[in-house]
Amino acid sequence: MPFYFSRRPEFAGLDRASRRDVRRMAWHFAQRHWTLHAPAFAWIVFVLLHTRYGVVPGRRDYVLLTLAIFIAGVINIRVHIGRYLKPARAIFDTLGSKAARTITGR
């Protein structure tokens, strides 16, 4: 399951700092995929439709829909990071910790 990164086989045998480097590298790779930004785009379109046309009349409904889009965004981020953990671990094993920090800019 992508929500429990500590149980992933990609982190086997790594210390805390190395796991952090692998996660950061996976996040770095995931940011380049366009579907990662889909919930943010959907939220912007929703806000524009709401402010212009009043798509959702109630304040409570607006907040609930915004919260649902936020939760979808968080799940989307976690799935993308989980998808790039294996390549990030392979690069980490090949190049090491210093190269991983150089790649992510940290």
N, C-alpha and C. Protein backbone atom coordinates (compact mmCIF):
# COMPACT_ATOMS: atom_id res chain seq x y z
N MET A 1 0.85 -1.18 0.00
CA MET A 1 0.00 0.00 0.00
C MET A 1 0.89 1.24 0.00
N PRO A 2 0.59 2.21 -0.84
CA PRO A 2 1.47 3.37 -0.97
C PRO A 2 1.43 4.33 0.21
N PHE A 3 0.50 4.15 1.15
CA PHE A 3 0.39 5.10 2.24
C PHE A 3 1.30 4.77 3.41
N TYR A 4 1.84 3.57 3.44
CA TYR A 4 2.76 3.15 4.49
C TYR A 4 4.14 2.98 3.89
N PHE A 5 4.85 4.09 3.74
CA PHE A 5 6.15 4.02 3.11
C PHE A 5 7.16 3.24 3.94
N SER A 6 6.99 3.17 5.24
CA SER A 6 7.95 2.47 6.08
C SER A 6 7.93 0.97 5.83
N ARG A 7 6.86 0.44 5.28
CA ARG A 7 6.73 -0.99 5.01
C ARG A 7 7.11 -1.36 3.58
N ARG A 8 7.58 -0.44 2.81
CA ARG A 8 7.90 -0.70 1.41
C ARG A 8 9.21 -1.47 1.30
N PRO A 9 9.31 -2.42 0.36
CA PRO A 9 10.55 -3.17 0.20
C PRO A 9 11.70 -2.31 -0.32
N GLU A 10 11.39 -1.17 -0.92
CA GLU A 10 12.44 -0.29 -1.42
C GLU A 10 13.29 0.31 -0.30
N PHE A 11 12.76 0.31 0.92
CA PHE A 11 13.48 0.89 2.04
C PHE A 11 14.23 -0.14 2.88
N ALA A 12 14.20 -1.39 2.45
CA ALA A 12 14.86 -2.45 3.23
C ALA A 12 16.35 -2.18 3.33
N GLY A 13 16.86 -2.21 4.54
CA GLY A 13 18.28 -2.05 4.77
C GLY A 13 18.79 -0.63 4.78
N LEU A 14 17.91 0.35 4.77
CA LEU A 14 18.34 1.75 4.76
C LEU A 14 18.14 2.38 6.13
N ASP A 15 19.03 3.29 6.47
CA ASP A 15 18.84 4.04 7.71
C ASP A 15 17.86 5.20 7.45
N ARG A 16 17.57 5.96 8.48
CA ARG A 16 16.56 7.02 8.39
C ARG A 16 16.92 8.10 7.36
N ALA A 17 18.17 8.54 7.36
CA ALA A 17 18.59 9.58 6.42
C ALA A 17 18.54 9.07 4.98
N SER A 18 18.90 7.83 4.77
CA SER A 18 18.87 7.27 3.41
C SER A 18 17.43 7.11 2.92
N ARG A 19 16.53 6.68 3.82
CA ARG A 19 15.11 6.59 3.43
C ARG A 19 14.58 7.96 3.05
N ARG A 20 14.98 8.98 3.79
CA ARG A 20 14.54 10.34 3.48
C ARG A 20 15.06 10.77 2.10
N ASP A 21 16.32 10.43 1.81
CA ASP A 21 16.89 10.79 0.50
C ASP A 21 16.16 10.08 -0.64
N VAL A 22 15.83 8.81 -0.44
CA VAL A 22 15.11 8.06 -1.48
C VAL A 22 13.72 8.63 -1.67
N ARG A 23 13.02 8.96 -0.56
CA ARG A 23 11.69 9.57 -0.68
C ARG A 23 11.75 10.92 -1.39
N ARG A 24 12.75 11.71 -1.07
CA ARG A 24 12.88 13.02 -1.73
C ARG A 24 13.16 12.87 -3.21
N MET A 25 13.98 11.89 -3.56
CA MET A 25 14.26 11.68 -4.97
C MET A 25 13.01 11.20 -5.70
N ALA A 26 12.23 10.32 -5.08
CA ALA A 26 10.98 9.86 -5.68
C ALA A 26 10.01 11.03 -5.85
N TRP A 27 9.94 11.92 -4.86
CA TRP A 27 9.09 13.10 -4.96
C TRP A 27 9.59 14.01 -6.08
N HIS A 28 10.89 14.14 -6.21
CA HIS A 28 11.49 14.95 -7.27
C HIS A 28 11.07 14.42 -8.65
N PHE A 29 11.10 13.10 -8.80
CA PHE A 29 10.69 12.49 -10.07
C PHE A 29 9.19 12.63 -10.30
N ALA A 30 8.40 12.46 -9.24
CA ALA A 30 6.94 12.50 -9.36
C ALA A 30 6.45 13.88 -9.76
N GLN A 31 7.16 14.93 -9.38
CA GLN A 31 6.73 16.28 -9.72
C GLN A 31 6.74 16.54 -11.21
N ARG A 32 7.48 15.74 -11.94
CA ARG A 32 7.58 15.94 -13.39
C ARG A 32 6.42 15.34 -14.15
N HIS A 33 5.55 14.58 -13.48
CA HIS A 33 4.44 13.93 -14.17
C HIS A 33 3.21 14.83 -14.12
N TRP A 34 2.58 15.05 -15.27
CA TRP A 34 1.50 16.03 -15.36
C TRP A 34 0.28 15.65 -14.54
N THR A 35 0.02 14.35 -14.34
CA THR A 35 -1.18 13.97 -13.60
C THR A 35 -1.09 14.31 -12.12
N LEU A 36 0.11 14.59 -11.65
CA LEU A 36 0.26 15.01 -10.26
C LEU A 36 -0.47 16.33 -10.02
N HIS A 37 -0.54 17.16 -11.01
CA HIS A 37 -1.13 18.49 -10.88
C HIS A 37 -2.61 18.54 -11.23
N ALA A 38 -3.20 17.41 -11.60
CA ALA A 38 -4.61 17.38 -12.00
C ALA A 38 -5.56 17.84 -10.90
N PRO A 39 -5.41 17.41 -9.64
CA PRO A 39 -6.34 17.91 -8.61
C PRO A 39 -6.24 19.43 -8.40
N ALA A 40 -5.05 19.98 -8.49
CA ALA A 40 -4.91 21.43 -8.35
C ALA A 40 -5.61 22.15 -9.50
N PHE A 41 -5.47 21.64 -10.70
CA PHE A 41 -6.14 22.23 -11.85
C PHE A 41 -7.66 22.11 -11.69
N ALA A 42 -8.15 20.96 -11.23
CA ALA A 42 -9.58 20.78 -11.02
C ALA A 42 -10.10 21.76 -9.96
N TRP A 43 -9.31 21.99 -8.92
CA TRP A 43 -9.74 22.92 -7.88
C TRP A 43 -9.80 24.35 -8.41
N ILE A 44 -8.82 24.75 -9.21
CA ILE A 44 -8.83 26.10 -9.79
C ILE A 44 -10.05 26.29 -10.69
N VAL A 45 -10.35 25.28 -11.50
CA VAL A 45 -11.53 25.36 -12.37
C VAL A 45 -12.80 25.44 -11.51
N PHE A 46 -12.86 24.64 -10.46
CA PHE A 46 -14.02 24.67 -9.56
C PHE A 46 -14.19 26.04 -8.92
N VAL A 47 -13.11 26.63 -8.44
CA VAL A 47 -13.20 27.95 -7.80
C VAL A 47 -13.64 29.00 -8.81
N LEU A 48 -13.10 28.94 -10.02
CA LEU A 48 -13.51 29.90 -11.04
C LEU A 48 -14.99 29.74 -11.39
N LEU A 49 -15.45 28.50 -11.54
CA LEU A 49 -16.86 28.28 -11.83
C LEU A 49 -17.75 28.73 -10.66
N HIS A 50 -17.27 28.52 -9.47
CA HIS A 50 -18.07 28.91 -8.30
C HIS A 50 -18.16 30.43 -8.17
N THR A 51 -17.04 31.11 -8.37
CA THR A 51 -17.06 32.57 -8.21
C THR A 51 -17.79 33.24 -9.37
N ARG A 52 -17.69 32.68 -10.54
CA ARG A 52 -18.32 33.31 -11.71
C ARG A 52 -19.81 32.96 -11.83
N TYR A 53 -20.14 31.67 -11.63
CA TYR A 53 -21.50 31.22 -11.89
C TYR A 53 -22.23 30.70 -10.65
N GLY A 54 -21.56 30.65 -9.53
CA GLY A 54 -22.21 30.17 -8.31
C GLY A 54 -22.62 28.71 -8.40
N VAL A 55 -21.72 27.86 -8.90
CA VAL A 55 -22.02 26.45 -9.12
C VAL A 55 -22.48 25.77 -7.84
N VAL A 56 -21.82 26.05 -6.74
CA VAL A 56 -22.19 25.48 -5.44
C VAL A 56 -22.70 26.64 -4.58
N PRO A 57 -24.02 26.70 -4.33
CA PRO A 57 -24.57 27.86 -3.64
C PRO A 57 -24.21 27.93 -2.15
N GLY A 58 -24.11 26.81 -1.48
CA GLY A 58 -23.87 26.83 -0.03
C GLY A 58 -22.40 26.86 0.33
N ARG A 59 -22.10 27.58 1.40
CA ARG A 59 -20.72 27.67 1.86
C ARG A 59 -20.22 26.31 2.35
N ARG A 60 -21.09 25.58 3.03
CA ARG A 60 -20.71 24.25 3.55
C ARG A 60 -20.39 23.30 2.40
N ASP A 61 -21.19 23.32 1.35
CA ASP A 61 -20.93 22.45 0.20
C ASP A 61 -19.62 22.82 -0.49
N TYR A 62 -19.35 24.11 -0.55
CA TYR A 62 -18.10 24.58 -1.15
C TYR A 62 -16.89 24.06 -0.35
N VAL A 63 -16.97 24.16 0.96
CA VAL A 63 -15.88 23.69 1.82
C VAL A 63 -15.72 22.18 1.71
N LEU A 64 -16.82 21.45 1.69
CA LEU A 64 -16.74 19.98 1.57
C LEU A 64 -16.14 19.55 0.23
N LEU A 65 -16.53 20.22 -0.83
CA LEU A 65 -15.97 19.88 -2.14
C LEU A 65 -14.50 20.25 -2.22
N THR A 66 -14.13 21.37 -1.63
CA THR A 66 -12.71 21.75 -1.57
C THR A 66 -11.92 20.73 -0.77
N LEU A 67 -12.46 20.28 0.34
CA LEU A 67 -11.80 19.26 1.15
C LEU A 67 -11.66 17.94 0.39
N ALA A 68 -12.68 17.56 -0.36
CA ALA A 68 -12.61 16.33 -1.15
C ALA A 68 -11.53 16.43 -2.23
N ILE A 69 -11.42 17.58 -2.87
CA ILE A 69 -10.38 17.77 -3.89
C ILE A 69 -9.00 17.74 -3.23
N PHE A 70 -8.88 18.31 -2.02
CA PHE A 70 -7.61 18.27 -1.30
C PHE A 70 -7.22 16.84 -0.95
N ILE A 71 -8.17 16.06 -0.46
CA ILE A 71 -7.89 14.66 -0.12
C ILE A 71 -7.50 13.88 -1.36
N ALA A 72 -8.18 14.12 -2.47
CA ALA A 72 -7.81 13.46 -3.73
C ALA A 72 -6.39 13.85 -4.14
N GLY A 73 -6.02 15.10 -3.91
CA GLY A 73 -4.67 15.55 -4.23
C GLY A 73 -3.62 14.86 -3.38
N VAL A 74 -3.89 14.71 -2.09
CA VAL A 74 -2.94 14.03 -1.20
C VAL A 74 -2.78 12.57 -1.60
N ILE A 75 -3.87 11.90 -1.88
CA ILE A 75 -3.80 10.50 -2.32
C ILE A 75 -3.04 10.40 -3.62
N ASN A 76 -3.28 11.32 -4.54
CA ASN A 76 -2.57 11.34 -5.81
C ASN A 76 -1.07 11.51 -5.61
N ILE A 77 -0.67 12.38 -4.71
CA ILE A 77 0.75 12.59 -4.43
C ILE A 77 1.38 11.32 -3.87
N ARG A 78 0.71 10.69 -2.91
CA ARG A 78 1.25 9.48 -2.30
C ARG A 78 1.38 8.35 -3.33
N VAL A 79 0.42 8.23 -4.22
CA VAL A 79 0.49 7.19 -5.25
C VAL A 79 1.66 7.47 -6.20
N HIS A 80 1.84 8.72 -6.58
CA HIS A 80 2.95 9.06 -7.47
C HIS A 80 4.30 8.81 -6.81
N ILE A 81 4.44 9.18 -5.56
CA ILE A 81 5.71 8.93 -4.87
C ILE A 81 5.95 7.42 -4.78
N GLY A 82 4.94 6.65 -4.44
CA GLY A 82 5.08 5.20 -4.38
C GLY A 82 5.49 4.60 -5.70
N ARG A 83 5.02 5.19 -6.77
CA ARG A 83 5.36 4.70 -8.11
C ARG A 83 6.82 4.92 -8.46
N TYR A 84 7.42 5.98 -7.95
CA TYR A 84 8.80 6.31 -8.29
C TYR A 84 9.81 5.87 -7.23
N LEU A 85 9.38 5.12 -6.21
CA LEU A 85 10.32 4.68 -5.19
C LEU A 85 11.35 3.68 -5.73
N LYS A 86 10.91 2.77 -6.58
CA LYS A 86 11.83 1.76 -7.09
C LYS A 86 12.95 2.38 -7.93
N PRO A 87 12.64 3.26 -8.90
CA PRO A 87 13.74 3.90 -9.64
C PRO A 87 14.61 4.79 -8.75
N ALA A 88 13.99 5.45 -7.77
CA ALA A 88 14.78 6.29 -6.87
C ALA A 88 15.74 5.45 -6.05
N ARG A 89 15.30 4.28 -5.60
CA ARG A 89 16.19 3.40 -4.83
C ARG A 89 17.32 2.88 -5.71
N ALA A 90 17.02 2.55 -6.96
CA ALA A 90 18.07 2.07 -7.87
C ALA A 90 19.13 3.14 -8.10
N ILE A 91 18.69 4.37 -8.28
CA ILE A 91 19.64 5.46 -8.47
C ILE A 91 20.42 5.71 -7.19
N PHE A 92 19.75 5.64 -6.06
CA PHE A 92 20.43 5.83 -4.77
C PHE A 92 21.50 4.75 -4.56
N ASP A 93 21.16 3.51 -4.87
CA ASP A 93 22.13 2.43 -4.70
C ASP A 93 23.31 2.58 -5.65
N THR A 94 23.07 3.10 -6.83
CA THR A 94 24.14 3.25 -7.81
C THR A 94 25.02 4.46 -7.52
N LEU A 95 24.40 5.60 -7.22
CA LEU A 95 25.16 6.85 -7.09
C LEU A 95 25.48 7.26 -5.66
N GLY A 96 24.67 6.86 -4.72
CA GLY A 96 24.94 7.19 -3.32
C GLY A 96 24.15 8.38 -2.82
N SER A 97 24.36 8.67 -1.54
CA SER A 97 23.61 9.71 -0.84
C SER A 97 23.96 11.11 -1.32
N LYS A 98 25.21 11.36 -1.57
CA LYS A 98 25.62 12.71 -2.00
C LYS A 98 25.02 13.05 -3.35
N ALA A 99 25.01 12.09 -4.27
CA ALA A 99 24.41 12.33 -5.58
C ALA A 99 22.91 12.53 -5.47
N ALA A 100 22.25 11.78 -4.57
CA ALA A 100 20.81 11.96 -4.38
C ALA A 100 20.49 13.36 -3.91
N ARG A 101 21.30 13.89 -3.01
CA ARG A 101 21.08 15.26 -2.54
C ARG A 101 21.36 16.28 -3.63
N THR A 102 22.30 15.99 -4.49
CA THR A 102 22.59 16.88 -5.62
C THR A 102 21.41 16.88 -6.60
N ILE A 103 20.85 15.71 -6.86
CA ILE A 103 19.73 15.61 -7.80
C ILE A 103 18.52 16.40 -7.28
N THR A 104 18.23 16.26 -6.00
CA THR A 104 17.05 16.94 -5.44
C THR A 104 17.32 18.39 -5.07
N GLY A 105 18.56 18.81 -5.08
CA GLY A 105 18.89 20.19 -4.78
C GLY A 105 18.95 20.47 -3.30
N ARG A 106 19.19 19.48 -2.47
CA ARG A 106 19.28 19.68 -1.02
C ARG A 106 20.68 19.51 -0.54
